[in-house]
Protein backbone atom coordinates (compact mmCIF):
# COMPACT_ATOMS: atom_id res chain seq x y z
CA MET A 1 -14.34 29.33 4.45
CA GLY A 2 -12.69 31.53 7.03
CA VAL A 3 -10.50 30.97 10.06
CA CYS A 4 -11.72 31.57 13.57
CA PRO A 5 -9.20 33.98 15.16
CA VAL A 6 -9.69 32.28 18.55
CA THR A 7 -9.57 28.55 17.75
CA GLY A 8 -7.73 28.64 14.42
CA LEU A 9 -10.33 26.26 13.02
CA LEU A 10 -11.96 26.54 9.63
CA GLN A 11 -15.42 28.06 9.67
CA PRO A 12 -18.22 27.29 7.20
CA ALA A 13 -18.54 29.49 4.15
CA SER A 14 -21.55 31.70 3.78
CA GLU A 15 -22.78 29.85 0.69
CA ALA A 16 -23.48 26.13 0.82
CA GLY A 17 -20.98 24.04 -1.05
CA HIS A 18 -18.64 26.93 -1.80
CA LEU A 19 -15.24 27.09 -0.15
CA GLU A 20 -12.90 30.00 0.21
CA SER A 21 -9.19 29.38 0.61
CA VAL A 22 -7.55 30.03 3.94
CA PRO A 23 -4.62 32.40 3.38
CA VAL A 24 -1.37 30.49 3.81
CA ASP A 25 1.48 32.18 5.60
CA PRO A 26 4.24 33.01 3.10
CA LYS A 27 7.05 30.52 3.52
CA GLY A 28 9.38 31.64 0.75
CA LEU A 29 8.46 28.82 -1.63
CA LYS A 30 8.25 29.61 -5.34
CA ARG A 31 4.70 30.22 -6.46
CA ASN A 32 3.36 28.69 -9.70
CA ALA A 33 6.55 26.70 -10.19
CA LEU A 34 4.62 23.55 -11.13
CA THR A 35 1.82 22.86 -13.57
CA PHE A 36 -1.05 20.47 -12.95
CA ALA A 37 0.68 17.87 -15.13
CA SER A 38 3.90 18.18 -13.13
CA ASN A 39 1.97 17.68 -9.90
CA VAL A 40 0.37 14.52 -11.29
CA VAL A 41 3.81 13.25 -12.33
CA ILE A 42 5.13 13.78 -8.80
CA GLY A 43 2.12 11.99 -7.29
CA VAL A 44 2.36 8.95 -9.58
CA ALA A 45 6.15 8.72 -9.41
CA SER A 46 6.03 8.75 -5.63
CA ALA A 47 4.17 5.42 -5.65
CA ALA A 48 7.09 3.87 -7.61
CA PRO A 49 4.84 1.86 -9.98
CA ALA A 50 7.48 -0.45 -11.49
CA TYR A 51 9.11 -1.17 -8.13
CA SER A 52 5.72 -1.70 -6.47
CA ILE A 53 4.63 -4.13 -9.18
CA ALA A 54 7.93 -6.02 -9.06
CA SER A 55 7.92 -6.38 -5.29
CA ALA A 56 4.22 -6.88 -4.47
CA LEU A 57 2.52 -8.60 -7.41
CA GLY A 58 3.98 -12.03 -6.66
CA THR A 59 2.96 -11.87 -3.00
CA ILE A 60 -0.61 -10.88 -3.91
CA ALA A 61 -0.76 -13.67 -6.52
CA ALA A 62 0.41 -16.20 -3.94
CA ILE A 63 -2.58 -15.23 -1.77
CA ALA A 64 -5.33 -14.41 -4.28
CA ALA A 65 -4.27 -16.42 -7.39
CA TYR A 66 -6.11 -15.11 -10.46
CA SER A 67 -8.10 -12.57 -8.39
CA VAL A 68 -5.17 -10.13 -8.24
CA PRO A 69 -6.96 -7.52 -10.46
CA ALA A 70 -9.99 -7.65 -8.15
CA VAL A 71 -7.78 -7.07 -5.11
CA LEU A 72 -6.02 -4.13 -6.78
CA LEU A 73 -9.37 -2.54 -7.66
CA ALA A 74 -10.61 -3.05 -4.09
CA ALA A 75 -7.41 -1.49 -2.68
CA PHE A 76 -8.06 1.55 -4.87
CA VAL A 77 -11.30 2.34 -2.99
CA PRO A 78 -9.86 3.49 0.37
CA MET A 79 -7.21 5.52 -1.45
CA LEU A 80 -9.86 7.27 -3.52
CA CYS A 81 -11.83 8.02 -0.36
CA VAL A 82 -8.78 9.54 1.35
CA ALA A 83 -7.93 11.47 -1.83
CA ALA A 84 -11.45 12.98 -1.80
CA ALA A 85 -10.83 14.15 1.77
CA CYS A 86 -7.50 15.65 0.73
CA TYR A 87 -9.14 17.49 -2.16
CA HIS A 88 -11.48 19.38 0.18
CA LEU A 89 -8.85 19.93 2.86
CA ASN A 90 -6.38 21.32 0.35
CA ARG A 91 -9.02 23.50 -1.27
CA ALA A 92 -9.72 25.15 2.07
CA ASP A 93 -6.15 25.22 3.36
CA PRO A 94 -3.39 24.75 0.74
CA ASP A 95 -0.54 24.37 3.22
CA CYS A 96 2.55 22.34 2.28
CA GLY A 97 2.36 20.75 5.73
CA THR A 98 -0.74 18.81 4.52
CA THR A 99 -1.57 16.22 7.20
CA PHE A 100 0.19 18.19 9.94
CA ALA A 101 -1.62 21.43 9.08
CA TRP A 102 -5.04 19.87 8.55
CA VAL A 103 -5.04 17.57 11.58
CA THR A 104 -3.82 20.44 13.77
CA ARG A 105 -6.84 22.52 12.75
CA ALA A 106 -9.25 19.62 13.20
CA MET A 107 -7.97 17.78 16.27
CA GLY A 108 -5.54 20.13 17.95
CA PRO A 109 -1.77 20.59 18.07
CA TYR A 110 -0.84 17.26 19.65
CA ALA A 111 -2.70 15.14 17.10
CA GLY A 112 -1.42 17.43 14.34
CA TRP A 113 2.17 17.04 15.50
CA MET A 114 1.86 13.25 15.51
CA GLY A 115 0.26 13.36 12.06
CA GLY A 116 3.24 15.31 10.75
CA TRP A 117 5.57 12.87 12.49
CA GLY A 118 3.77 10.01 10.73
CA VAL A 119 4.59 11.58 7.35
CA LEU A 120 8.23 12.10 8.32
CA VAL A 121 8.65 8.57 9.69
CA THR A 122 7.07 6.89 6.67
CA ASN A 123 9.35 8.61 4.18
CA ILE A 124 12.40 7.74 6.27
CA LEU A 125 11.41 4.09 6.75
CA VAL A 126 10.99 3.54 3.02
CA MET A 127 14.44 4.88 2.11
CA PRO A 128 16.52 1.74 2.84
CA SER A 129 14.35 -0.34 0.53
CA LEU A 130 14.54 2.20 -2.29
CA ALA A 131 18.27 2.75 -1.92
CA ALA A 132 18.97 -0.99 -1.80
CA ILE A 133 16.85 -1.64 -4.91
CA ALA A 134 18.52 1.25 -6.75
CA GLY A 135 21.95 -0.14 -5.86
CA GLN A 136 21.13 -3.73 -6.79
CA TYR A 137 19.50 -2.85 -10.10
CA LEU A 138 22.32 -0.51 -11.01
CA PHE A 139 24.71 -3.47 -10.84
CA ARG A 140 22.25 -5.75 -12.63
CA LEU A 141 22.14 -3.27 -15.46
CA VAL A 142 25.88 -3.69 -16.03
CA GLY A 143 25.71 -7.46 -15.73
CA ILE A 144 26.61 -8.03 -12.05
CA ALA A 145 23.79 -10.24 -10.77
CA ASP A 146 25.00 -10.71 -7.19
CA PRO A 147 27.03 -7.68 -6.05
CA ALA A 148 28.63 -7.55 -2.60
CA SER A 149 26.49 -5.91 0.07
CA GLY A 150 29.10 -3.22 0.63
CA LEU A 151 28.92 -2.20 -3.03
CA VAL A 152 25.12 -2.10 -2.92
CA THR A 153 25.24 0.07 0.21
CA ALA A 154 27.75 2.45 -1.34
CA ALA A 155 25.66 2.75 -4.50
CA GLY A 156 22.50 3.31 -2.44
CA VAL A 157 24.14 6.06 -0.41
CA ALA A 158 25.37 7.74 -3.58
CA TRP A 159 21.88 7.52 -5.03
CA ILE A 160 20.25 9.16 -2.01
CA ALA A 161 22.92 11.89 -2.10
CA ILE A 162 22.24 12.57 -5.80
CA MET A 163 18.46 12.73 -5.28
CA THR A 164 18.97 15.03 -2.27
CA GLY A 165 21.09 17.31 -4.45
CA ILE A 166 18.35 17.48 -7.09
CA CYS A 167 15.76 18.30 -4.41
CA TYR A 168 18.05 20.98 -3.02
CA ARG A 169 18.11 22.69 -6.41
CA GLY A 170 14.40 23.36 -6.12
CA VAL A 171 11.05 21.84 -7.00
CA GLU A 172 11.34 22.68 -10.71
CA ALA A 173 14.53 20.64 -11.07
CA SER A 174 12.83 17.81 -9.17
CA ALA A 175 9.78 17.96 -11.44
CA ARG A 176 11.85 17.87 -14.63
CA THR A 177 13.74 14.84 -13.35
CA GLN A 178 10.52 13.14 -12.29
CA ARG A 179 8.90 13.73 -15.67
CA LEU A 180 11.77 12.02 -17.49
CA LEU A 181 11.88 9.10 -15.04
CA LEU A 182 8.11 8.52 -15.05
CA ILE A 183 7.57 8.72 -18.81
CA SER A 184 10.39 6.24 -19.39
CA GLN A 185 9.06 3.95 -16.66
CA PHE A 186 5.49 3.95 -17.97
CA ALA A 187 6.61 3.40 -21.58
CA ILE A 188 8.55 0.29 -20.54
CA LEU A 189 5.70 -1.10 -18.43
CA VAL A 190 3.11 -0.59 -21.18
CA LEU A 191 5.46 -2.18 -23.73
CA PHE A 192 5.96 -5.16 -21.41
CA ALA A 193 2.20 -5.59 -20.87
CA VAL A 194 1.30 -5.29 -24.56
CA VAL A 195 3.98 -7.74 -25.71
CA ALA A 196 2.99 -10.21 -22.95
CA LEU A 197 -0.69 -10.12 -23.95
CA VAL A 198 0.14 -10.43 -27.65
CA LYS A 199 2.22 -13.52 -26.90
CA VAL A 200 -0.56 -15.00 -24.75
CA TYR A 201 -3.15 -14.67 -27.49
CA GLY A 202 -0.59 -15.96 -29.98
CA GLY A 203 -0.07 -19.09 -27.88
CA GLY A 204 3.37 -18.09 -26.66
CA GLY A 205 2.77 -17.52 -22.98
CA LEU A 206 4.08 -19.67 -20.15
CA ALA A 207 0.44 -20.36 -19.19
CA PRO A 208 -1.35 -20.21 -22.58
CA ALA A 209 -4.63 -21.50 -21.17
CA SER A 210 -4.93 -18.54 -18.81
CA ARG A 211 -6.47 -15.94 -21.06
CA VAL A 212 -8.04 -12.86 -19.48
CA SER A 213 -11.36 -13.56 -17.79
CA LEU A 214 -13.93 -11.26 -16.23
CA GLN A 215 -13.83 -13.56 -13.22
CA TRP A 216 -10.39 -12.14 -12.39
CA PHE A 217 -12.13 -8.84 -11.54
CA ASN A 218 -14.69 -10.38 -9.20
CA PRO A 219 -13.71 -9.88 -5.52
CA PHE A 220 -16.24 -12.52 -4.42
CA ALA A 221 -14.34 -15.19 -6.35
CA ILE A 222 -11.39 -15.07 -3.94
CA GLY A 223 -12.88 -17.60 -1.54
CA SER A 224 -12.68 -16.35 2.04
CA MET A 225 -12.69 -12.97 3.73
CA ASP A 226 -9.44 -13.86 5.48
CA THR A 227 -7.71 -14.46 2.14
CA PHE A 228 -9.16 -11.27 0.72
CA THR A 229 -7.98 -9.27 3.75
CA GLN A 230 -4.45 -10.68 3.55
CA ALA A 231 -4.19 -9.76 -0.12
CA LEU A 232 -5.72 -6.33 0.50
CA LEU A 233 -3.14 -5.55 3.20
CA VAL A 234 -0.38 -5.97 0.64
CA ALA A 235 -2.18 -4.26 -2.24
CA VAL A 236 -3.44 -1.13 -0.51
CA PHE A 237 0.01 0.14 0.36
CA ILE A 238 1.45 -0.01 -3.17
CA TYR A 239 -0.72 3.04 -3.86
CA TRP A 240 0.98 5.02 -1.10
CA GLY A 241 2.86 8.11 -2.30
CA TRP A 242 0.20 9.85 -4.38
CA ASP A 243 -0.19 12.48 -1.63
CA THR A 244 3.32 13.81 -2.31
CA GLY A 245 1.78 16.09 -4.93
CA LEU A 246 -0.20 17.76 -2.16
CA SER A 247 3.00 18.66 -0.30
CA VAL A 248 4.02 20.92 -3.21
CA ASN A 249 0.60 22.60 -3.28
CA GLU A 250 1.96 26.05 -2.51
CA GLU A 251 4.31 25.75 -5.49
CA THR A 252 1.63 24.51 -7.93
CA GLU A 253 -0.59 26.59 -10.21
CA ASN A 254 -4.11 26.97 -8.76
CA PRO A 255 -2.93 25.76 -5.33
CA GLU A 256 -6.46 25.43 -3.93
CA THR A 257 -7.85 23.05 -6.57
CA GLY A 258 -4.95 21.80 -8.71
CA PRO A 259 -3.11 19.56 -6.20
CA GLY A 260 -6.34 17.94 -4.97
CA LEU A 261 -7.43 17.06 -8.49
CA ALA A 262 -3.89 15.85 -9.21
CA ALA A 263 -4.09 13.51 -6.20
CA ILE A 264 -7.29 11.92 -7.52
CA THR A 265 -5.84 11.72 -11.06
CA SER A 266 -2.68 10.08 -9.71
CA ASN A 267 -4.74 7.35 -8.06
CA VAL A 268 -6.67 6.69 -11.27
CA LEU A 269 -3.44 6.39 -13.28
CA LEU A 270 -1.95 4.07 -10.66
CA VAL A 271 -4.90 1.69 -10.60
CA GLY A 272 -4.82 1.65 -14.40
CA ILE A 273 -1.16 0.63 -14.72
CA TYR A 274 -1.39 -1.80 -11.79
CA VAL A 275 -4.39 -3.66 -13.20
CA LEU A 276 -2.89 -3.70 -16.71
CA MET A 277 0.36 -5.22 -15.44
CA ALA A 278 -1.48 -7.69 -13.21
CA VAL A 279 -3.62 -8.91 -16.10
CA ALA A 280 -0.63 -9.18 -18.45
CA THR A 281 1.63 -11.06 -16.03
CA LEU A 282 -1.14 -13.39 -14.84
CA ALA A 283 -2.15 -14.25 -18.38
CA PHE A 284 1.44 -14.78 -19.46
CA ALA A 285 2.85 -16.71 -16.50
CA GLY A 286 0.01 -17.67 -14.15
CA PRO A 287 -0.13 -17.10 -10.37
CA GLU A 288 2.11 -20.07 -9.51
CA VAL A 289 5.08 -18.67 -11.42
CA LEU A 290 4.51 -15.19 -9.98
CA ALA A 291 4.36 -16.60 -6.45
CA LYS A 292 7.70 -18.37 -6.90
CA THR A 293 9.36 -15.05 -7.83
CA SER A 294 7.50 -12.94 -5.26
CA SER A 295 10.51 -10.77 -4.39
CA ASP A 296 10.74 -9.55 -8.00
CA VAL A 297 8.30 -10.74 -10.66
CA LEU A 298 9.47 -8.45 -13.48
CA ALA A 299 13.15 -9.29 -13.90
CA PRO A 300 12.63 -13.08 -14.27
CA LEU A 301 9.85 -12.53 -16.84
CA GLY A 302 11.72 -9.86 -18.78
CA LEU A 303 13.67 -12.36 -20.88
CA GLN A 304 10.61 -14.48 -21.77
CA VAL A 305 8.44 -11.49 -22.63
CA LEU A 306 10.81 -9.03 -24.31
CA GLY A 307 13.68 -11.29 -25.36
CA ARG A 308 17.41 -11.00 -24.83
CA GLY A 309 18.69 -7.43 -24.86
CA LEU A 310 15.30 -5.79 -24.45
CA ASP A 311 14.90 -7.54 -21.11
CA LYS A 312 17.27 -4.91 -19.73
CA LEU A 313 14.40 -2.45 -20.13
CA VAL A 314 12.63 -4.08 -17.19
CA ILE A 315 15.70 -3.58 -15.02
CA ILE A 316 15.83 0.04 -16.16
CA ALA A 317 12.13 0.53 -15.29
CA VAL A 318 12.56 -0.70 -11.71
CA LEU A 319 15.76 1.35 -11.31
CA LEU A 320 14.00 4.48 -12.56
CA SER A 321 11.06 3.74 -10.29
CA ALA A 322 13.19 3.42 -7.16
CA SER A 323 15.12 6.55 -8.13
CA ALA A 324 11.97 8.60 -8.65
CA CYS A 325 10.49 7.48 -5.34
CA THR A 326 13.75 8.32 -3.53
CA LEU A 327 13.47 11.84 -4.88
CA THR A 328 9.81 12.24 -3.95
CA SER A 329 10.33 10.83 -0.45
CA ILE A 330 12.61 13.75 0.38
CA LEU A 331 10.23 16.39 -1.06
CA PRO A 332 7.28 15.93 1.35
CA ASN A 333 9.49 15.55 4.41
CA ALA A 334 11.30 18.81 3.79
CA ARG A 335 8.00 20.65 3.28
CA THR A 336 6.26 19.05 6.24
CA ALA A 337 9.19 20.09 8.43
CA LEU A 338 9.04 23.60 6.91
CA SER A 339 5.36 23.98 7.77
CA MET A 340 5.89 22.60 11.27
CA ALA A 341 8.76 25.02 11.87
CA LYS A 342 6.75 27.98 10.62
CA GLN A 343 3.99 27.16 13.11
CA GLY A 344 6.42 26.63 15.96
CA ALA A 345 6.20 22.83 16.10
CA LEU A 346 9.85 22.26 15.09
CA PRO A 347 13.04 24.29 15.59
CA GLU A 348 13.11 27.49 13.53
CA ARG A 349 16.09 26.20 11.52
CA PHE A 350 13.75 23.85 9.63
CA GLY A 351 11.90 26.92 8.37
CA SER A 352 14.91 28.03 6.34
CA VAL A 353 14.31 28.47 2.59
CA HIS A 354 17.12 28.91 0.05
CA PRO A 355 17.09 32.50 -1.28
CA VAL A 356 17.84 31.42 -4.86
CA PHE A 357 16.25 27.99 -5.24
CA ALA A 358 13.18 28.88 -3.10
CA ASN A 359 13.38 25.44 -1.55
CA PRO A 360 13.57 24.22 2.09
CA ASP A 361 17.37 23.98 2.15
CA PHE A 362 18.10 22.90 5.71
CA GLY A 363 15.14 20.51 5.85
CA THR A 364 16.12 18.88 2.55
CA LEU A 365 19.71 18.27 3.69
CA VAL A 366 18.60 16.93 7.08
CA MET A 367 16.12 14.53 5.48
CA GLY A 368 18.73 13.31 3.02
CA ALA A 369 21.30 12.81 5.76
CA THR A 370 18.79 11.06 8.03
CA SER A 371 17.81 8.72 5.19
CA ILE A 372 21.44 7.82 4.59
CA ALA A 373 22.07 7.26 8.29
CA TRP A 374 18.99 5.02 8.60
CA PHE A 375 19.93 3.03 5.49
CA VAL A 376 23.53 2.49 6.53
CA GLY A 377 22.59 1.81 10.15
CA MET A 378 19.98 -0.82 9.29
CA THR A 379 22.29 -2.45 6.73
CA MET A 380 25.15 -2.66 9.22
CA LEU A 381 23.00 -3.93 12.09
CA SER A 382 21.11 -6.68 10.31
CA GLN A 383 19.54 -7.49 6.96
CA ASN A 384 16.63 -8.92 8.95
CA LEU A 385 16.05 -5.59 10.69
CA LEU A 386 16.18 -3.84 7.32
CA ASP A 387 13.53 -6.20 5.93
CA ASP A 388 11.35 -5.76 9.02
CA SER A 389 11.54 -1.96 8.83
CA ILE A 390 10.13 -2.17 5.30
CA LEU A 391 7.25 -4.37 6.47
CA ALA A 392 6.51 -1.79 9.17
CA LEU A 393 5.69 0.88 6.58
CA GLY A 394 2.01 0.00 6.47
CA LEU A 395 1.48 1.05 10.08
CA SER A 396 2.67 4.63 9.66
CA ILE A 397 0.92 4.97 6.29
CA SER A 398 -2.48 3.86 7.59
CA PHE A 399 -1.96 5.99 10.73
CA TYR A 400 -1.56 9.34 9.01
CA TYR A 401 -4.02 8.56 6.19
CA ALA A 402 -6.70 7.78 8.80
CA LEU A 403 -6.00 11.02 10.68
CA THR A 404 -6.20 12.99 7.43
CA ALA A 405 -9.52 11.46 6.39
CA PHE A 406 -11.18 12.00 9.76
CA SER A 407 -9.94 15.61 9.80
CA CYS A 408 -12.00 16.34 6.70
CA VAL A 409 -15.22 15.24 8.39
CA ILE A 410 -14.47 17.24 11.52
CA LEU A 411 -13.57 20.44 9.69
CA PHE A 412 -16.52 20.34 7.28
CA ARG A 413 -19.13 18.99 9.69
CA GLY A 414 -21.13 22.21 9.35
CA GLN A 415 -21.44 21.81 5.57
CA LEU A 416 -22.24 18.12 5.24
CA MET A 417 -26.00 18.69 4.92
CA HIS A 418 -25.76 21.58 2.46
CA SER A 419 -25.84 19.32 -0.57
CA VAL A 420 -25.72 15.68 -1.63
CA SER A 421 -22.24 16.27 -3.04
CA ASN A 422 -20.99 17.66 0.25
CA PHE A 423 -22.55 14.78 2.19
CA LEU A 424 -20.87 12.18 -0.01
CA THR A 425 -17.44 13.70 -0.68
CA MET A 426 -16.92 15.57 2.62
CA GLY A 427 -18.65 13.04 4.83
CA VAL A 428 -19.30 9.52 3.57
CA MET A 429 -16.12 9.02 1.56
CA PRO A 430 -13.70 10.48 4.17
CA VAL A 431 -15.37 8.50 6.97
CA ALA A 432 -15.19 5.32 4.90
CA GLY A 433 -11.55 6.00 4.02
CA GLY A 434 -10.63 6.75 7.61
CA LEU A 435 -12.39 3.67 8.96
CA MET A 436 -10.77 1.43 6.35
CA MET A 437 -7.35 2.85 7.15
CA ALA A 438 -7.95 2.43 10.89
CA ALA A 439 -9.05 -1.17 10.28
CA LEU A 440 -5.93 -1.79 8.19
CA PHE A 441 -3.80 -0.36 11.00
CA VAL A 442 -5.33 -2.78 13.50
CA GLN A 443 -5.17 -5.72 11.10
CA SER A 444 -1.55 -4.89 10.28
CA CYS A 445 -0.68 -4.87 13.99
CA LEU A 446 -2.23 -8.30 14.41
CA SER A 447 -0.51 -9.64 11.32
CA LEU A 448 2.90 -8.15 12.03
CA SER A 449 2.91 -9.24 15.67
CA LYS A 450 3.75 -12.76 14.58
CA SER A 451 5.68 -12.08 11.36
CA GLY A 452 9.06 -10.75 10.36
CA ALA A 453 12.61 -12.01 10.43
CA THR A 454 13.29 -10.83 14.00
CA GLN A 455 11.48 -11.13 17.31
CA PHE A 456 11.55 -8.86 20.38
CA PHE A 457 10.30 -10.66 23.50
CA GLY A 458 8.06 -12.80 21.31
CA VAL A 459 6.69 -9.88 19.31
CA GLY A 460 7.35 -9.56 15.59
CA GLY A 461 10.09 -7.13 14.60
CA PRO A 462 7.93 -5.23 12.05
CA LEU A 463 5.34 -4.41 14.73
CA VAL A 464 8.00 -3.29 17.20
CA LEU A 465 9.74 -1.10 14.60
CA GLY A 466 6.50 0.32 13.18
CA VAL A 467 4.80 1.19 16.46
CA GLY A 468 8.12 2.14 18.03
CA ALA A 469 8.87 4.61 15.23
CA LEU A 470 5.50 6.30 15.77
CA LEU A 471 5.81 6.38 19.57
CA LEU A 472 9.33 7.76 19.26
CA GLY A 473 7.70 10.96 18.05
CA LEU A 474 6.43 11.62 21.57
CA LEU A 475 9.96 12.53 22.70
CA PRO A 476 10.65 15.37 20.23
CA MET A 477 7.03 16.50 20.62
CA LEU A 478 7.47 16.87 24.39
CA ALA A 479 10.83 18.57 23.83
CA MET A 480 9.16 21.11 21.52
CA ARG A 481 6.35 21.52 24.03
CA ILE A 482 8.97 22.74 26.52
CA ARG A 483 11.04 24.71 24.03
CA ARG A 484 8.27 26.37 21.97
CA PRO A 485 5.04 26.05 23.98
CA GLU A 486 3.07 28.61 21.94
CA PHE A 487 2.10 26.09 19.24
CA PHE A 488 0.75 23.63 21.81
CA ARG A 489 -1.39 26.29 23.48
CA GLN A 490 -3.65 26.69 20.45
């Protein structure tokens, strides 16, 4: 494909089904710093598997009972569809700005700016949860079950600062850290699942009659569409984070194809570990026990499954998971801001790259500092507000995923009929992914309007915070429109 010098949009390639990469403006990032395997590690680690399982599995079990594996498989579908869109978008335009860059080309500068803002907001909103979990589990590891909130906050701030420092040192240092954290995390989760299943089939589970059944994988066994939708709303967002690998595309070997394939591979690995853990915990404990410990299903089961002493491994897995996700939440924000600055959508200072570490230095520090400020601010204001801000995550996630998926169809509309493969992977799958994400956005708004620990004029706090965070982006966008109008005149 080529770029139209007038519109800046991608143009169809001369041969059907073949894409040529759009040259990416040099940003100072280190080329070929990451291998395909490192990119996959970053994508998987960004979803925080152990933390996601610990925090979401009980809630899904409370809604769907033994159909949790079916819900997790169903939630994988929209993610795979969006990942297919990202594969083609990245192949044509491997820009570290990802959603911002692609939506700008497809829908114009205003939609692109808001897409980039969606990425930034999401990774900021998630930070308080990750920092709090990291702080709490750090104290649990040393035997303090109920630490004071001030100590948890201090530990969380220190953790964000450490992860920011690692990011500042460059993507290679981040990848090495991620590799260690993810391998340890996966080893513990697989050990937990295997031991749990061995005990179940040896008659030692808490629910010995609940051996694995194919019916658990049948989505039609859930009962009602309303129940299925409620469970899906929780499940779909535990996959979020796999697209972080795309944000380091310019620093990955084979930047046109490697990151896109890594995104798809990350999703496959995530659905594998999620379903394995769901089957193991359901068989061992049953949905009733999981529902009673919905805020954290792993720590309470650690002692029964692994025994005294080894149960600490579960705490370590969740701690490593939160730590890894903290690190990978800073990475995409710094690179999105870098791309936006290079195109004139953010102040030029965000386009600064460290001359030695070849990393967005200013953007990394700003994102780390903003994350700390948000975490401390929410903690000081109200625990309820902090909880509601976490619930609001789904809105910004579905927002920018939907924009990304629809961008693929718009950009490749001239190639959809060139082959069956193009029609399915550039058209059908992205449209399906975008529609599902748009539907989840609407359903989340309806659900969150009446939920949450706080209310604003009768409206649920999560909805106010989620929509408010997205709408807040209009102010800096208008400010940049006045300050640097060239980008908005595309």
